[in-house]
C-alpha atoms as a PDB file:
ATOM      1  CA  UNK A   1      -0.037   0.147   0.173  1.00  0.00           C
ATOM      2  CA  UNK A   2       1.475   3.715  -0.931  1.00  0.00           C
ATOM      3  CA  UNK A   3       2.143   5.217   1.820  1.00  0.00           C
ATOM      4  CA  UNK A   4       2.040   9.254   2.643  1.00  0.00           C
ATOM      5  CA  UNK A   5       5.383  10.502   0.321  1.00  0.00           C
ATOM      6  CA  UNK A   6       3.838   8.816  -2.376  1.00  0.00           C
ATOM      7  CA  UNK A   7      -0.108  10.298  -2.174  1.00  0.00           C
ATOM      8  CA  UNK A   8       1.366  14.056  -1.464  1.00  0.00           C
ATOM      9  CA  UNK A   9       3.699  13.207  -4.315  1.00  0.00           C
ATOM     10  CA  UNK A  10       0.989  12.351  -6.147  1.00  0.00           C
ATOM     11  CA  UNK A  11      -1.164  15.382  -5.406  1.00  0.00           C
ATOM     12  CA  UNK A  12       1.993  17.508  -6.245  1.00  0.00           C
ATOM     13  CA  UNK A  13       1.917  15.884 -10.236  1.00  0.00           C
ATOM     14  CA  UNK A  14      -1.794  15.995 -10.523  1.00  0.00           C
ATOM     15  CA  UNK A  15      -2.458  19.783  -9.842  1.00  0.00           C
ATOM     16  CA  UNK A  16      -0.874  21.875 -12.383  1.00  0.00           C
ATOM     17  CA  UNK A  17      -2.250  18.887 -15.308  1.00  0.00           C
ATOM     18  CA  UNK A  18      -5.891  18.747 -13.358  1.00  0.00           C
ATOM     19  CA  UNK A  19      -6.576  22.277 -11.590  1.00  0.00           C
ATOM     20  CA  UNK A  20      -8.211  24.937 -12.518  1.00  0.00           C
ATOM     21  CA  UNK A  21      -9.151  23.132 -15.730  1.00  0.00           C
ATOM     22  CA  UNK A  22     -12.803  22.150 -16.928  1.00  0.00           C
ATOM     23  CA  UNK A  23     -12.255  17.689 -16.936  1.00  0.00           C
ATOM     24  CA  UNK A  24     -14.395  14.966 -18.989  1.00  0.00           C
ATOM     25  CA  UNK A  25     -14.662  12.738 -15.582  1.00  0.00           C
ATOM     26  CA  UNK A  26     -15.717   8.846 -17.209  1.00  0.00           C
ATOM     27  CA  UNK A  27     -15.693   6.096 -16.037  1.00  0.00           C
ATOM     28  CA  UNK A  28     -14.150   3.498 -18.882  1.00  0.00           C
ATOM     29  CA  UNK A  29     -15.357   0.132 -16.502  1.00  0.00           C
ATOM     30  CA  UNK A  30     -17.970   1.857 -15.384  1.00  0.00           C
ATOM     31  CA  UNK A  31     -18.610   0.914 -11.845  1.00  0.00           C
ATOM     32  CA  UNK A  32     -17.914   4.668 -11.265  1.00  0.00           C
ATOM     33  CA  UNK A  33     -20.349   5.991 -14.194  1.00  0.00           C
ATOM     34  CA  UNK A  34     -22.950   7.279 -11.991  1.00  0.00           C
ATOM     35  CA  UNK A  35     -20.683   9.117  -9.998  1.00  0.00           C
ATOM     36  CA  UNK A  36     -18.250  10.715 -12.669  1.00  0.00           C
ATOM     37  CA  UNK A  37     -21.539  12.088 -14.392  1.00  0.00           C
ATOM     38  CA  UNK A  38     -21.586  14.305 -10.959  1.00  0.00           C
ATOM     39  CA  UNK A  39     -18.492  16.134 -12.067  1.00  0.00           C
ATOM     40  CA  UNK A  40     -17.679  15.564 -15.905  1.00  0.00           C
ATOM     41  CA  UNK A  41     -17.489  19.023 -17.148  1.00  0.00           C
ATOM     42  CA  UNK A  42     -16.988  20.454 -14.298  1.00  0.00           C
ATOM     43  CA  UNK A  43     -13.583  22.649 -12.890  1.00  0.00           C
ATOM     44  CA  UNK A  44     -11.269  20.658 -10.536  1.00  0.00           C
ATOM     45  CA  UNK A  45      -9.996  23.524  -7.953  1.00  0.00           C
ATOM     46  CA  UNK A  46      -7.825  21.965  -5.714  1.00  0.00           C
ATOM     47  CA  UNK A  47      -6.542  18.167  -5.139  1.00  0.00           C
ATOM     48  CA  UNK A  48      -6.072  17.880  -0.846  1.00  0.00           C
ATOM     49  CA  UNK A  49      -3.650  14.357   0.117  1.00  0.00           C
ATOM     50  CA  UNK A  50      -3.962  13.150   3.644  1.00  0.00           C
ATOM     51  CA  UNK A  51      -2.341  10.072   4.841  1.00  0.00           C
ATOM     52  CA  UNK A  52      -3.196   7.679   2.621  1.00  0.00           C
ATOM     53  CA  UNK A  53      -6.408   9.562   1.391  1.00  0.00           C
ATOM     54  CA  UNK A  54      -6.190  11.960  -2.082  1.00  0.00           C
ATOM     55  CA  UNK A  55      -9.752  14.643  -1.961  1.00  0.00           C
ATOM     56  CA  UNK A  56     -10.613  15.779  -5.434  1.00  0.00           C
ATOM     57  CA  UNK A  57     -12.618  19.390  -4.597  1.00  0.00           C
ATOM     58  CA  UNK A  58     -14.552  20.176  -7.637  1.00  0.00           C
ATOM     59  CA  UNK A  59     -16.411  23.967  -8.414  1.00  0.00           C
ATOM     60  CA  UNK A  60     -19.828  22.550  -8.102  1.00  0.00           C
ATOM     61  CA  UNK A  61     -19.328  21.577  -4.257  1.00  0.00           C
ATOM     62  CA  UNK A  62     -18.900  18.325  -4.866  1.00  0.00           C
ATOM     63  CA  UNK A  63     -15.608  16.306  -3.067  1.00  0.00           C
ATOM     64  CA  UNK A  64     -13.876  13.347  -4.487  1.00  0.00           C
ATOM     65  CA  UNK A  65     -12.114  10.896  -2.589  1.00  0.00           C
ATOM     66  CA  UNK A  66      -9.435   7.976  -3.324  1.00  0.00           C
ATOM     67  CA  UNK A  67      -7.878   5.634  -1.616  1.00  0.00           C
ATOM     68  CA  UNK A  68      -6.071   3.024  -3.478  1.00  0.00           C
ATOM     69  CA  UNK A  69      -5.425   0.512  -1.184  1.00  0.00           C
ATOM     70  CA  UNK A  70      -2.863  -1.979  -2.092  1.00  0.00           C
ATOM     71  CA  UNK A  71      -3.481  -2.127  -5.547  1.00  0.00           C
ATOM     72  CA  UNK A  72      -5.127   1.021  -6.731  1.00  0.00           C
ATOM     73  CA  UNK A  73      -2.425   2.866  -9.100  1.00  0.00           C
ATOM     74  CA  UNK A  74      -2.570   6.604 -11.065  1.00  0.00           C
ATOM     75  CA  UNK A  75      -1.220   6.485 -14.781  1.00  0.00           C
ATOM     76  CA  UNK A  76      -1.029   9.886 -16.719  1.00  0.00           C
ATOM     77  CA  UNK A  77      -0.581  10.354 -20.838  1.00  0.00           C
ATOM     78  CA  UNK A  78      -0.329  12.718 -22.838  1.00  0.00           C
ATOM     79  CA  UNK A  79      -0.648  10.773 -25.700  1.00  0.00           C
ATOM     80  CA  UNK A  80      -3.731   9.080 -25.472  1.00  0.00           C
ATOM     81  CA  UNK A  81      -5.875   7.059 -23.278  1.00  0.00           C
ATOM     82  CA  UNK A  82      -4.662   3.850 -21.755  1.00  0.00           C
ATOM     83  CA  UNK A  83      -6.790   0.633 -23.136  1.00  0.00           C
ATOM     84  CA  UNK A  84      -4.325  -1.926 -21.213  1.00  0.00           C
ATOM     85  CA  UNK A  85      -6.019  -1.850 -17.325  1.00  0.00           C
ATOM     86  CA  UNK A  86      -9.555  -1.818 -16.482  1.00  0.00           C
ATOM     87  CA  UNK A  87     -10.077   2.206 -15.624  1.00  0.00           C
ATOM     88  CA  UNK A  88     -12.240   2.876 -12.649  1.00  0.00           C
ATOM     89  CA  UNK A  89     -12.119   6.966 -13.869  1.00  0.00           C
ATOM     90  CA  UNK A  90     -10.150   8.444 -15.867  1.00  0.00           C
ATOM     91  CA  UNK A  91      -9.789  12.588 -15.472  1.00  0.00           C
ATOM     92  CA  UNK A  92      -8.927  13.914 -19.033  1.00  0.00           C
ATOM     93  CA  UNK A  93      -7.913  17.874 -19.943  1.00  0.00           C
ATOM     94  CA  UNK A  94      -6.424  18.812 -23.301  1.00  0.00           C
ATOM     95  CA  UNK A  95      -3.074  18.616 -21.890  1.00  0.00           C
ATOM     96  CA  UNK A  96      -3.203  15.049 -20.000  1.00  0.00           C
ATOM     97  CA  UNK A  97      -5.446  11.797 -19.525  1.00  0.00           C
ATOM     98  CA  UNK A  98      -5.283  10.843 -15.959  1.00  0.00           C
ATOM     99  CA  UNK A  99      -5.856   6.850 -15.256  1.00  0.00           C
ATOM    100  CA  UNK A 100      -7.459   5.185 -12.195  1.00  0.00           C
ATOM    101  CA  UNK A 101      -7.149   1.484 -12.120  1.00  0.00           C
ATOM    102  CA  UNK A 102      -7.531  -1.097  -8.701  1.00  0.00           C
ATOM    103  CA  UNK A 103      -8.163   2.025  -6.207  1.00  0.00           C
ATOM    104  CA  UNK A 104      -9.990   0.622  -2.597  1.00  0.00           C
ATOM    105  CA  UNK A 105     -12.380   3.525  -2.731  1.00  0.00           C
ATOM    106  CA  UNK A 106     -13.185   5.786  -5.704  1.00  0.00           C
ATOM    107  CA  UNK A 107     -16.502   7.986  -4.870  1.00  0.00           C
ATOM    108  CA  UNK A 108     -17.836  11.406  -5.342  1.00  0.00           C
ATOM    109  CA  UNK A 109     -19.271  13.019  -1.580  1.00  0.00           C
ATOM    110  CA  UNK A 110     -19.656  16.074  -0.096  1.00  0.00           C
ATOM    111  CA  UNK A 111     -17.321  18.586   1.993  1.00  0.00           C
ATOM    112  CA  UNK A 112     -18.423  16.706   4.944  1.00  0.00           C
ATOM    113  CA  UNK A 113     -18.207  13.267   4.268  1.00  0.00           C
ATOM    114  CA  UNK A 114     -14.515  14.826   3.707  1.00  0.00           C
ATOM    115  CA  UNK A 115     -14.583  16.345   7.358  1.00  0.00           C
ATOM    116  CA  UNK A 116     -15.808  12.608   9.045  1.00  0.00           C
ATOM    117  CA  UNK A 117     -13.169  10.750   7.089  1.00  0.00           C
ATOM    118  CA  UNK A 118     -10.671  13.227   8.178  1.00  0.00           C
ATOM    119  CA  UNK A 119     -11.834  13.033  11.749  1.00  0.00           C
ATOM    120  CA  UNK A 120     -11.407   9.460  12.253  1.00  0.00           C
ATOM    121  CA  UNK A 121      -7.418  10.165  11.083  1.00  0.00           C
ATOM    122  CA  UNK A 122      -4.477  11.270  13.018  1.00  0.00           C
ATOM    123  CA  UNK A 123      -2.221  14.387  12.086  1.00  0.00           C
ATOM    124  CA  UNK A 124      -0.355  13.647   8.866  1.00  0.00           C
ATOM    125  CA  UNK A 125       3.379  14.794   9.525  1.00  0.00           C
ATOM    126  CA  UNK A 126       3.691  16.257   5.574  1.00  0.00           C
ATOM    127  CA  UNK A 127       0.599  18.701   6.457  1.00  0.00           C
ATOM    128  CA  UNK A 128       1.141  21.924   8.026  1.00  0.00           C
ATOM    129  CA  UNK A 129      -1.941  21.422  10.030  1.00  0.00           C
ATOM    130  CA  UNK A 130       0.071  18.338  11.400  1.00  0.00           C
ATOM    131  CA  UNK A 131       0.981  18.569  14.986  1.00  0.00           C
ATOM    132  CA  UNK A 132       3.714  16.939  16.820  1.00  0.00           C
ATOM    133  CA  UNK A 133       1.932  17.382  20.395  1.00  0.00           C
ATOM    134  CA  UNK A 134      -1.370  15.708  19.046  1.00  0.00           C
ATOM    135  CA  UNK A 135       0.702  12.724  18.085  1.00  0.00           C
ATOM    136  CA  UNK A 136       2.593  12.281  20.602  1.00  0.00           C
ATOM    137  CA  UNK A 137      -0.282  12.435  22.563  1.00  0.00           C
ATOM    138  CA  UNK A 138      -2.628  10.045  21.467  1.00  0.00           C
ATOM    139  CA  UNK A 139       0.678   7.841  21.775  1.00  0.00           C
ATOM    140  CA  UNK A 140       1.269   8.173  25.137  1.00  0.00           C
ATOM    141  CA  UNK A 141      -2.103   7.206  25.988  1.00  0.00           C
ATOM    142  CA  UNK A 142      -2.037   3.804  24.693  1.00  0.00           C
ATOM    143  CA  UNK A 143      -0.240   0.724  25.971  1.00  0.00           C
ATOM    144  CA  UNK A 144      -0.153  -0.412  22.570  1.00  0.00           C
ATOM    145  CA  UNK A 145       2.948  -1.260  21.412  1.00  0.00           C
ATOM    146  CA  UNK A 146       4.500   1.543  19.025  1.00  0.00           C
ATOM    147  CA  UNK A 147       4.586  -0.534  16.082  1.00  0.00           C
ATOM    148  CA  UNK A 148       1.515  -0.862  15.777  1.00  0.00           C
ATOM    149  CA  UNK A 149       0.275   2.667  16.556  1.00  0.00           C
ATOM    150  CA  UNK A 150       2.508   3.617  14.236  1.00  0.00           C
ATOM    151  CA  UNK A 151       0.454   1.974  11.675  1.00  0.00           C
ATOM    152  CA  UNK A 152      -2.445   3.028  12.649  1.00  0.00           C
ATOM    153  CA  UNK A 153      -3.937   5.803  10.809  1.00  0.00           C
ATOM    154  CA  UNK A 154      -5.993   7.334  13.687  1.00  0.00           C
ATOM    155  CA  UNK A 155      -3.097   7.918  15.516  1.00  0.00           C
ATOM    156  CA  UNK A 156      -0.464   8.461  13.003  1.00  0.00           C
ATOM    157  CA  UNK A 157      -2.023   9.424   9.133  1.00  0.00           C
ATOM    158  CA  UNK A 158       0.566   8.506   6.699  1.00  0.00           C
ATOM    159  CA  UNK A 159       3.242   5.839   8.280  1.00  0.00           C
ATOM    160  CA  UNK A 160       3.365   2.285   6.654  1.00  0.00           C
ATOM    161  CA  UNK A 161       5.711  -0.783   7.017  1.00  0.00           C
ATOM    162  CA  UNK A 162       8.765   0.735   5.879  1.00  0.00           C
ATOM    163  CA  UNK A 163       8.839   3.728   7.440  1.00  0.00           C
ATOM    164  CA  UNK A 164       7.492   2.537  11.060  1.00  0.00           C
ATOM    165  CA  UNK A 165      10.111  -0.226  10.978  1.00  0.00           C
ATOM    166  CA  UNK A 166      13.107   2.284  10.060  1.00  0.00           C
ATOM    167  CA  UNK A 167      12.374   5.621  12.291  1.00  0.00           C
ATOM    168  CA  UNK A 168      12.305   2.694  15.140  1.00  0.00           C
ATOM    169  CA  UNK A 169      15.082   1.932  14.284  1.00  0.00           C
ATOM    170  CA  UNK A 170      16.732   5.196  14.247  1.00  0.00           C
ATOM    171  CA  UNK A 171      15.550   5.709  17.499  1.00  0.00           C
ATOM    172  CA  UNK A 172      16.514   2.264  18.719  1.00  0.00           C
ATOM    173  CA  UNK A 173      13.056   1.650  19.885  1.00  0.00           C
ATOM    174  CA  UNK A 174      11.823  -2.112  19.476  1.00  0.00           C
ATOM    175  CA  UNK A 175       8.501  -1.740  17.950  1.00  0.00           C
ATOM    176  CA  UNK A 176       6.569  -4.230  20.558  1.00  0.00           C
ATOM    177  CA  UNK A 177       7.712  -1.932  23.410  1.00  0.00           C
ATOM    178  CA  UNK A 178       4.478  -0.067  24.711  1.00  0.00           C
ATOM    179  CA  UNK A 179       3.563   3.205  23.647  1.00  0.00           C
ATOM    180  CA  UNK A 180       3.008   4.445  27.103  1.00  0.00           C
ATOM    181  CA  UNK A 181       6.366   3.403  28.430  1.00  0.00           C
ATOM    182  CA  UNK A 182       8.141   5.464  25.761  1.00  0.00           C
ATOM    183  CA  UNK A 183       8.558   9.360  26.929  1.00  0.00           C
ATOM    184  CA  UNK A 184       7.383  12.304  25.584  1.00  0.00           C
ATOM    185  CA  UNK A 185      10.495  13.477  23.464  1.00  0.00           C
ATOM    186  CA  UNK A 186      11.149  10.224  22.229  1.00  0.00           C
ATOM    187  CA  UNK A 187       7.486  10.027  20.563  1.00  0.00           C
ATOM    188  CA  UNK A 188       8.751  13.481  19.376  1.00  0.00           C
ATOM    189  CA  UNK A 189      12.173  12.122  18.368  1.00  0.00           C
ATOM    190  CA  UNK A 190       9.820   9.273  16.253  1.00  0.00           C
ATOM    191  CA  UNK A 191       7.383  12.429  14.592  1.00  0.00           C
ATOM    192  CA  UNK A 192       9.891  14.643  13.987  1.00  0.00           C
ATOM    193  CA  UNK A 193      12.008  11.765  11.985  1.00  0.00           C
ATOM    194  CA  UNK A 194       9.212  10.111  10.147  1.00  0.00           C
ATOM    195  CA  UNK A 195       8.387  13.616   8.898  1.00  0.00           C
ATOM    196  CA  UNK A 196      11.945  14.446   7.697  1.00  0.00           C
ATOM    197  CA  UNK A 197      12.028  10.827   6.330  1.00  0.00           C
ATOM    198  CA  UNK A 198       8.361  11.179   4.653  1.00  0.00           C
ATOM    199  CA  UNK A 199       9.412  14.594   2.666  1.00  0.00           C
ATOM    200  CA  UNK A 200      12.345  13.586   1.739  1.00  0.00           C
ATOM    201  CA  UNK A 201       9.863  10.546   0.169  1.00  0.00           C
ATOM    202  CA  UNK A 202       7.803  13.115  -1.603  1.00  0.00           C
ATOM    203  CA  UNK A 203      11.132  15.202  -3.124  1.00  0.00           C
ATOM    204  CA  UNK A 204      13.492  11.773  -4.332  1.00  0.00           C
ATOM    205  CA  UNK A 205       9.760   9.950  -5.347  1.00  0.00           C
ATOM    206  CA  UNK A 206      11.379   6.760  -3.585  1.00  0.00           C
ATOM    207  CA  UNK A 207      11.915   5.745   0.167  1.00  0.00           C
ATOM    208  CA  UNK A 208      15.488   6.101   0.938  1.00  0.00           C
ATOM    209  CA  UNK A 209      16.168   6.517   4.898  1.00  0.00           C
ATOM    210  CA  UNK A 210      20.156   5.721   4.892  1.00  0.00           C
ATOM    211  CA  UNK A 211      21.454   8.384   6.925  1.00  0.00           C
ATOM    212  CA  UNK A 212      25.010   7.807   6.842  1.00  0.00           C
ATOM    213  CA  UNK A 213      25.677   9.867   9.612  1.00  0.00           C
ATOM    214  CA  UNK A 214      24.010   6.431  11.959  1.00  0.00           C
ATOM    215  CA  UNK A 215      26.523   4.114  10.334  1.00  0.00           C
ATOM    216  CA  UNK A 216      30.089   3.279  11.377  1.00  0.00           C
ATOM    217  CA  UNK A 217      33.040   5.021  10.371  1.00  0.00           C
ATOM    218  CA  UNK A 218      33.492   3.773   6.808  1.00  0.00           C
ATOM    219  CA  UNK A 219      30.892   1.975   6.120  1.00  0.00           C
ATOM    220  CA  UNK A 220      30.231   0.924   2.851  1.00  0.00           C
ATOM    221  CA  UNK A 221      26.958   0.848   0.778  1.00  0.00           C
ATOM    222  CA  UNK A 222      25.798  -1.834  -1.506  1.00  0.00           C
ATOM    223  CA  UNK A 223      24.008  -0.168  -5.344  1.00  0.00           C
ATOM    224  CA  UNK A 224      20.484  -0.717  -4.007  1.00  0.00           C
ATOM    225  CA  UNK A 225      21.062   0.376   0.105  1.00  0.00           C
ATOM    226  CA  UNK A 226      17.999   2.394   0.672  1.00  0.00           C
ATOM    227  CA  UNK A 227      16.763   1.056   4.452  1.00  0.00           C
ATOM    228  CA  UNK A 228      19.044   0.289   7.745  1.00  0.00           C
ATOM    229  CA  UNK A 229      16.530  -3.122   9.049  1.00  0.00           C
ATOM    230  CA  UNK A 230      13.511  -2.705   6.177  1.00  0.00           C
ATOM    231  CA  UNK A 231      13.845  -6.126   4.135  1.00  0.00           C
ATOM    232  CA  UNK A 232      17.147  -7.035   5.187  1.00  0.00           C
ATOM    233  CA  UNK A 233      19.017 -10.059   6.146  1.00  0.00           C
ATOM    234  CA  UNK A 234      21.423  -8.233   8.537  1.00  0.00           C
ATOM    235  CA  UNK A 235      21.374  -4.765  10.746  1.00  0.00           C
ATOM    236  CA  UNK A 236      22.965  -1.788   7.787  1.00  0.00           C
ATOM    237  CA  UNK A 237      24.678  -0.485  10.462  1.00  0.00           C
ATOM    238  CA  UNK A 238      25.821  -3.321  13.398  1.00  0.00           C
ATOM    239  CA  UNK A 239      25.452  -6.716  11.189  1.00  0.00           C
ATOM    240  CA  UNK A 240      23.811  -8.538  13.285  1.00  0.00           C
ATOM    241  CA  UNK A 241      21.002 -10.790  11.669  1.00  0.00           C
ATOM    242  CA  UNK A 242      17.369  -9.123  11.310  1.00  0.00           C
ATOM    243  CA  UNK A 243      14.380  -9.835  13.351  1.00  0.00           C
ATOM    244  CA  UNK A 244      10.630  -9.781  12.924  1.00  0.00           C
ATOM    245  CA  UNK A 245       7.482  -9.168  15.000  1.00  0.00           C
ATOM    246  CA  UNK A 246       3.993  -9.562  13.405  1.00  0.00           C
ATOM    247  CA  UNK A 247       2.127  -5.977  14.330  1.00  0.00           C
ATOM    248  CA  UNK A 248      -1.040  -4.227  12.861  1.00  0.00           C
ATOM    249  CA  UNK A 249      -1.215  -7.086  10.760  1.00  0.00           C
ATOM    250  CA  UNK A 250       2.362  -6.697   9.330  1.00  0.00           C
ATOM    251  CA  UNK A 251       5.356  -7.953   9.613  1.00  0.00           C
ATOM    252  CA  UNK A 252       7.784  -5.490  11.543  1.00  0.00           C
ATOM    253  CA  UNK A 253      11.766  -5.088  11.214  1.00  0.00           C
ATOM    254  CA  UNK A 254      14.018  -4.504  13.829  1.00  0.00           C
ATOM    255  CA  UNK A 255      17.673  -4.879  15.083  1.00  0.00           C
ATOM    256  CA  UNK A 256      17.578  -7.092  18.583  1.00  0.00           C
ATOM    257  CA  UNK A 257      21.126  -5.328  18.780  1.00  0.00           C
ATOM    258  CA  UNK A 258      19.879  -0.922  18.164  1.00  0.00           C
ATOM    259  CA  UNK A 259      16.427  -1.819  19.555  1.00  0.00           C
ATOM    260  CA  UNK A 260      16.217  -4.157  22.712  1.00  0.00           C
ATOM    261  CA  UNK A 261      13.691  -4.979  24.259  1.00  0.00           C
END
């Protein structure tokens, strides 16, 4: 499932192609046809990312919602529509055609519908209105393992399996430690680090969490190295075999030496 940096990157990429333009909206697949008719030919005013959600604000007051889930994908073409995929939603302007296939949700609703979804989400580290103190307070109230909470979108919006493993490694926190046994300073540092990682992901269009300052002097990186512990056999810093613990329904990678329980 795409993590928050992908969603914010998508919003940035789609905005110059679609916003402030009259957009032809259709559903070649047919499953979105009734909703597409509600906004077909309207001006798209803005695209808003929040966590793993995208909202499309239309000039007639309606708001589109997209959640990519595991299989959703946008495809952008400036040469014509693609016929290779089952397209749930097509957004077309003279400059480009944007096709969406395989999303968990693609629907048209109201601003109130959008607000109800956002009310269930925690703060998004990539948004200007994302508040560290709010996220820290939510975590400190829970005895749930910190590795579980970081995947809980009602606690912090936008973090996925890669970033949770990497940020916990950076701060030497075992993923099974109860959140309320962490200090406010530790959790504040986790927020700051994951925000920096997500911002870098937006800029780089991929996940690279390695910080050479955290590696031993002289440690050589191999082609393709991008994480400290995620999907690795050995810790990039100390070469200890990587462990995993299932939290939030997903395996969380950690270093038993750098992140003692």
